[in-house]
Protein backbone atom coordinates (compact mmCIF):
# COMPACT_ATOMS: atom_id res chain seq x y z
CA MET A 1 91.16 255.60 68.34
CA GLY A 2 87.75 256.09 69.40
CA THR A 3 86.15 255.15 65.97
CA MET A 4 88.44 251.78 66.07
CA GLY A 5 86.93 251.18 69.41
CA CYS A 6 83.35 251.59 68.46
CA GLU A 7 84.03 249.38 65.36
CA ASN A 8 85.46 246.63 67.76
CA ILE A 9 82.47 246.98 70.14
CA LEU A 10 80.04 246.41 67.30
CA LEU A 11 82.11 243.60 65.91
CA MET A 12 81.72 242.00 69.30
CA MET A 13 78.28 242.56 69.46
CA PHE A 14 77.63 240.76 66.04
CA MET A 15 79.93 237.88 67.46
CA LEU A 16 77.86 237.63 70.45
CA SER A 17 74.70 237.57 68.68
CA ASP A 18 76.03 234.86 66.64
CA MET A 19 76.97 232.91 69.76
CA LEU A 20 73.62 233.40 71.13
CA SER A 21 71.92 232.14 67.84
CA VAL A 22 73.90 229.03 68.00
CA VAL A 23 73.15 228.23 71.55
CA SER A 24 69.33 228.90 71.03
CA ALA A 25 69.63 226.51 67.72
CA THR A 26 71.19 223.86 70.05
CA GLU A 27 68.21 222.33 71.72
CA ILE A 28 67.96 219.70 74.31
CA LYS A 29 66.01 216.90 73.06
CA ILE A 30 63.95 214.41 75.19
CA GLU A 31 62.70 211.29 73.64
CA ALA A 32 59.65 209.36 74.80
CA PHE A 33 57.77 206.25 73.66
CA PHE A 34 54.26 206.27 72.39
CA ASN A 35 51.85 205.42 75.20
CA LYS A 36 54.60 205.24 77.75
CA THR A 37 55.72 207.97 80.25
CA ALA A 38 57.95 211.01 79.51
CA LYS A 39 60.02 212.64 82.06
CA LEU A 40 60.00 216.30 81.49
CA PRO A 41 63.14 218.01 83.32
CA CYS A 42 63.20 221.49 84.83
CA ASN A 43 66.86 221.52 85.53
CA PHE A 44 66.36 223.69 88.65
CA LYS A 45 69.19 223.44 91.10
CA ASN A 46 67.51 225.92 93.83
CA PRO A 47 70.69 227.75 94.40
CA GLN A 48 69.20 230.03 97.06
CA ASN A 49 67.67 227.27 98.78
CA SER A 50 64.23 228.81 98.85
CA SER A 51 61.50 226.78 100.48
CA PRO A 52 58.62 225.35 98.29
CA GLU A 53 56.18 228.02 99.66
CA GLU A 54 58.30 230.69 98.15
CA LEU A 55 58.39 228.94 94.61
CA VAL A 56 56.07 228.76 91.80
CA ILE A 57 57.03 226.17 89.12
CA PHE A 58 54.92 225.38 86.02
CA TRP A 59 55.61 223.50 82.63
CA GLN A 60 54.21 225.08 79.47
CA GLY A 61 53.83 223.48 76.12
CA HIS A 62 54.39 224.67 72.67
CA LYS A 63 50.96 226.13 72.36
CA ASP A 64 51.27 228.10 75.67
CA ASP A 65 49.13 225.30 77.26
CA VAL A 66 50.04 224.72 81.07
CA LEU A 67 50.92 220.96 81.89
CA TYR A 68 51.27 221.34 85.49
CA GLU A 69 51.84 224.22 88.19
CA PHE A 70 53.14 223.79 91.60
CA TYR A 71 52.02 226.76 93.35
CA ARG A 72 53.63 227.76 96.65
CA GLY A 73 53.93 224.16 98.00
CA LYS A 74 50.80 222.83 96.41
CA GLU A 75 49.48 221.57 93.15
CA ASN A 76 47.38 223.97 91.41
CA LEU A 77 44.80 222.83 88.39
CA MET A 78 43.29 226.03 87.72
CA TYR A 79 45.29 226.79 84.71
CA VAL A 80 46.02 223.42 83.51
CA HIS A 81 44.81 222.53 80.15
CA SER A 82 42.39 219.71 79.82
CA ASN A 83 44.70 217.52 77.78
CA TYR A 84 46.96 217.11 80.65
CA ILE A 85 44.55 216.51 83.50
CA ASN A 86 45.41 213.30 85.45
CA ARG A 87 48.30 212.77 83.24
CA THR A 88 51.08 214.42 85.20
CA LYS A 89 53.06 213.67 88.46
CA LEU A 90 55.85 215.89 90.02
CA ASN A 91 58.91 214.56 91.79
CA PRO A 92 59.45 217.36 94.04
CA ASN A 93 62.95 216.09 94.95
CA THR A 94 64.25 216.27 91.48
CA TRP A 95 61.82 218.69 89.90
CA ILE A 96 61.05 216.28 87.05
CA LEU A 97 57.48 216.19 85.72
CA GLN A 98 56.13 212.67 84.48
CA LEU A 99 53.86 212.83 81.80
CA GLN A 100 51.94 209.70 81.26
CA ASN A 101 50.25 208.02 78.11
CA VAL A 102 52.35 209.91 75.77
CA GLN A 103 50.56 210.55 72.48
CA ILE A 104 52.09 211.93 68.95
CA MET A 105 50.38 215.32 69.65
CA ASP A 106 52.51 215.74 72.70
CA GLN A 107 55.79 216.18 70.78
CA GLY A 108 57.09 219.75 70.41
CA MET A 109 58.92 222.40 72.47
CA TYR A 110 58.27 222.69 76.36
CA THR A 111 59.69 225.05 78.94
CA CYS A 112 60.04 224.86 82.57
CA PHE A 113 59.41 228.31 84.48
CA VAL A 114 60.53 229.01 88.28
CA GLN A 115 59.33 232.06 89.92
CA HIS A 116 60.42 233.19 93.45
CA TYR A 117 57.46 234.70 95.34
CA GLY A 118 58.89 237.59 97.33
CA SER A 119 57.54 240.77 98.70
CA LYS A 120 57.43 242.41 95.24
CA GLY A 121 55.38 239.47 94.00
CA PRO A 122 56.54 236.50 91.71
CA VAL A 123 59.84 236.95 89.78
CA VAL A 124 61.22 234.53 87.27
CA ILE A 125 64.33 233.13 88.40
CA HIS A 126 64.79 230.05 86.25
CA GLN A 127 63.85 229.25 82.89
CA PHE A 128 64.64 225.74 80.91
CA SER A 129 63.32 224.70 77.43
CA PHE A 130 63.52 221.42 75.75
CA GLN A 131 62.20 219.56 72.80
CA LEU A 132 60.06 216.46 73.33
CA SER A 133 60.15 213.95 70.49
CA VAL A 134 57.75 210.85 70.37
CA LEU A 135 58.69 207.35 69.19
CA ALA A 136 56.65 204.26 68.24
CA PRO A 137 58.68 201.33 67.20
CA PHE A 138 57.17 199.41 64.08
CA SER A 139 56.15 196.04 64.06
CA LYS A 140 58.39 193.41 62.80
CA PRO A 141 58.18 193.44 58.84
CA GLU A 142 56.15 190.77 57.51
CA ILE A 143 56.61 189.36 53.86
CA ILE A 144 53.77 187.68 52.11
CA GLN A 145 53.63 186.03 48.80
CA LEU A 146 50.70 187.37 46.88
CA ASP A 147 50.49 184.66 44.39
CA ASN A 148 50.23 180.70 45.01
CA LYS A 149 53.23 179.83 42.65
CA THR A 150 56.50 177.80 43.11
CA ALA A 151 59.62 179.34 42.06
CA GLU A 152 59.71 178.01 38.61
CA ILE A 153 62.36 179.30 36.28
CA GLY A 154 60.87 182.04 34.02
CA ASP A 155 57.91 183.01 36.25
CA VAL A 156 57.44 186.24 38.01
CA LEU A 157 56.62 186.00 41.63
CA ASN A 158 54.88 188.87 43.59
CA PHE A 159 55.47 189.79 47.21
CA SER A 160 54.47 192.43 49.70
CA CYS A 161 56.18 193.46 52.86
CA SER A 162 54.49 195.59 55.69
CA ALA A 163 55.13 196.94 58.91
CA ASN A 164 52.51 198.98 61.07
CA GLN A 165 51.97 201.53 63.90
CA GLY A 166 55.27 203.20 63.92
CA TYR A 167 56.52 206.78 64.32
CA PRO A 168 58.08 208.95 62.70
CA LYS A 169 57.98 208.14 59.25
CA PRO A 170 60.90 205.82 58.10
CA GLN A 171 63.44 207.01 55.91
CA LYS A 172 63.37 204.10 53.69
CA MET A 173 62.16 200.63 52.98
CA TYR A 174 63.80 198.03 50.75
CA TRP A 175 64.45 194.39 49.69
CA LYS A 176 67.55 192.27 50.20
CA ILE A 177 67.68 189.78 47.41
CA GLU A 178 70.45 187.31 47.95
CA THR A 179 71.35 184.57 45.44
CA LYS A 180 74.27 182.23 44.64
CA ASN A 181 76.09 185.03 42.62
CA SER A 182 74.66 188.25 43.74
CA THR A 183 72.79 190.50 46.32
CA LYS A 184 70.27 193.14 45.29
CA TYR A 185 68.40 195.85 46.91
CA LEU A 186 65.00 196.68 45.72
CA GLY A 187 61.58 198.36 46.87
CA ASP A 188 59.40 201.61 46.82
CA MET A 189 57.84 202.48 50.08
CA TYR A 190 54.08 203.21 50.36
CA VAL A 191 53.21 205.20 53.52
CA PHE A 192 49.66 205.53 55.20
CA GLN A 193 48.96 207.62 58.28
CA ASP A 194 46.48 206.69 60.90
CA ASN A 195 43.93 209.51 61.50
CA THR A 196 43.30 208.40 65.01
CA ASN A 197 46.68 208.23 66.58
CA GLN A 198 48.76 209.65 63.86
CA LEU A 199 50.91 206.53 63.62
CA TYR A 200 52.44 205.29 60.23
CA ASN A 201 51.78 201.91 58.33
CA VAL A 202 54.25 201.31 55.49
CA THR A 203 54.18 198.81 52.73
CA THR A 204 56.55 197.86 49.67
CA ILE A 205 55.92 195.49 46.77
CA LEU A 206 58.07 193.17 45.11
CA SER A 207 57.88 191.63 41.34
CA LEU A 208 60.77 189.06 41.28
CA LEU A 209 61.67 187.40 37.86
CA ILE A 210 63.22 183.81 38.67
CA ASN A 211 66.09 183.08 36.42
CA ASP A 212 68.35 180.15 36.32
CA THR A 213 71.49 181.95 37.89
CA SER A 214 71.04 180.33 41.39
CA PRO A 215 69.30 177.10 42.77
CA TRP A 216 68.13 179.10 45.65
CA ILE A 217 66.87 182.58 46.59
CA ASN A 218 66.70 184.47 50.06
CA ILE A 219 64.40 187.24 50.22
CA THR A 220 64.56 189.70 53.29
CA CYS A 221 62.66 192.98 53.76
CA LEU A 222 64.07 195.91 55.74
CA ILE A 223 63.06 199.37 57.19
CA GLN A 224 65.43 202.06 57.88
CA THR A 225 63.54 204.29 60.66
CA GLN A 226 66.46 206.51 61.74
CA GLU A 227 69.92 206.93 60.26
CA SER A 228 71.68 206.11 63.53
CA MET A 229 69.72 203.10 63.97
CA GLU A 230 69.97 199.67 62.60
CA PRO A 231 67.33 198.71 60.27
CA LEU A 232 64.40 196.61 61.10
CA ALA A 233 64.56 193.33 59.26
CA SER A 234 61.83 190.65 58.58
CA GLU A 235 62.34 186.91 58.74
CA THR A 236 64.14 185.65 55.65
CA MET A 237 62.03 183.80 53.15
CA HIS A 238 63.73 180.85 51.51
CA LEU A 239 62.97 179.74 47.79
CA LYS A 240 64.22 176.85 45.83
CA THR A 241 64.33 177.38 42.24
CA GLN A 242 63.03 174.48 39.77
CA PRO A 243 62.60 174.05 36.02
CA LYS A 244 59.46 175.17 34.56
CA GLU A 245 57.16 171.95 34.02
CA ASN A 246 55.63 171.61 30.38
CA PRO A 247 51.64 171.34 31.21
CA ASP A 248 51.25 168.50 28.82
CA SER A 249 54.62 166.59 29.80
CA SER A 250 52.88 164.60 32.35
CA PHE A 251 50.26 162.95 29.77
CA LEU A 252 53.04 162.45 27.10
CA ILE A 253 54.37 159.23 28.30
CA PRO A 254 51.08 157.67 29.33
CA GLY A 255 49.47 158.69 26.01
CA LEU A 256 52.01 157.12 24.03
CA VAL A 257 51.49 153.96 25.82
CA ILE A 258 47.79 153.80 25.48
CA ALA A 259 48.02 154.79 21.68
CA GLY A 260 50.54 151.82 21.26
CA ALA A 261 48.31 149.29 23.00
CA ILE A 262 45.36 150.38 20.95
CA SER A 263 47.22 150.14 17.79
CA ALA A 264 48.44 146.53 18.87
CA VAL A 265 44.98 145.59 19.46
CA LEU A 266 43.66 146.77 16.27
CA CYS A 267 46.48 144.96 14.31
CA ILE A 268 45.60 141.65 16.28
CA PHE A 269 41.93 142.07 15.31
CA ILE A 270 42.85 142.67 11.70
CA LEU A 271 45.18 139.69 11.52
CA ILE A 272 42.53 137.45 13.23
CA GLY A 273 39.80 138.67 10.60
CA ARG A 274 42.10 138.09 7.61
CA ASN A 275 43.08 134.66 8.82
CA ALA A 276 39.40 133.59 9.26
CA CYS A 277 38.47 135.07 5.82
CA CYS A 278 41.23 133.18 4.01
CA ALA A 279 40.21 130.17 5.88
CA THR A 280 36.67 130.16 4.80
CA ARG A 281 37.86 130.63 1.23
CA GLU A 282 39.82 127.51 1.24
CA ALA A 283 36.91 125.16 2.06
CA PRO A 284 36.60 121.89 0.03
CA ASN A 285 34.23 121.65 -3.07
CA VAL A 286 30.84 119.91 -2.71
CA LYS A 287 30.78 116.48 -4.26
CA ALA A 288 28.57 115.89 -7.07
CA GLU A 289 25.72 113.50 -6.86
CA ASN A 290 26.05 110.00 -8.72
CA THR A 291 24.73 111.41 -11.75
CA GLU A 292 26.42 112.37 -15.03
CA HIS A 293 26.64 116.01 -14.28
CA PRO A 294 29.98 117.47 -13.92
CA LYS A 295 31.39 118.81 -10.48
CA GLU A 296 30.41 122.50 -9.65
CA ARG A 297 31.71 124.37 -6.60
CA ASP A 298 29.24 125.81 -4.08
CA GLU A 299 28.57 129.57 -4.92
CA ALA A 300 27.43 129.94 -1.28
CA LEU A 301 30.99 129.71 0.19
CA GLU A 302 32.31 132.59 -2.08
CA PRO A 303 33.50 135.45 0.37
CA MET A 304 31.93 138.65 -0.14
CA ASN A 305 34.90 140.82 0.12
CA HIS A 306 37.14 139.95 -2.86
CA GLY A 307 39.71 142.27 -1.80
CA SER A 308 40.44 140.91 1.48
CA CYS A 309 41.73 137.53 0.21
CA GLU A 310 43.22 136.50 -3.18
CA LYS A 311 40.77 134.93 -5.31
CA THR A 312 41.58 131.36 -7.15
CA GLU A 313 39.49 129.30 -9.62
CA ASP A 314 39.03 125.57 -9.95
CA ARG A 315 40.81 123.94 -12.71
């Protein structure tokens, strides 16, 4: 019986240890926005109704840096870290400490300690820990077309989408491509962190082949910052597809017209020249003088180009 009792006690101790581990793992989380004010709780109810002169209350950061100390009814800055000077304000009614101008470096674990100052000195009567997370909303994603092209069928158009100054790093960034027949999701995310304020800038690139499956295309860029939040969407870019133009097609019809006109003019000039040549060939013979000599044709009127008009002889 005694052995079984010891085993049961050991089992209960192990179970209690597991329960304490679960409780410690379940952290209270406080969220604050970048450059705004965070409210750091203490969760102190003052059950003994102690006067402020009997209490010492201070908040300590994850690096053991003191943010603020309320020492027996007065603010004490002796042990406050320089990073928090002029950034805190205490509400003595709620025991909530306001931390102003929150930065990314402020996030982490914090603990509020309450000591009762009695005859035996300070004794810790309350302790409360919580996790501070800092959020910075990204700017609205913006789509930019990287090439100066129209959406001609067969071309590849390139786009970029960017959002800036956000925190924490988004989970994913993608494209929503809507056409007449389909919807597609594409995109790889490129992340850049600002060394000064630790905020993130993100970009994704899209190369889109324009095909003839739809007369229109809608393009939207989205960022998923947290799983529990709706994705942040850009303005939708609307494209209207059109057939690809032949670079020489605009000159084809005018060229044919000009060539036909030139040919017609050349034919007219050839016909006029040939008619003139033949008319010269048919000039009458010169009459002979009143002599007994026979009639002869004037050799000066013979055409030089015998191939242009057909030659005839006098009989």
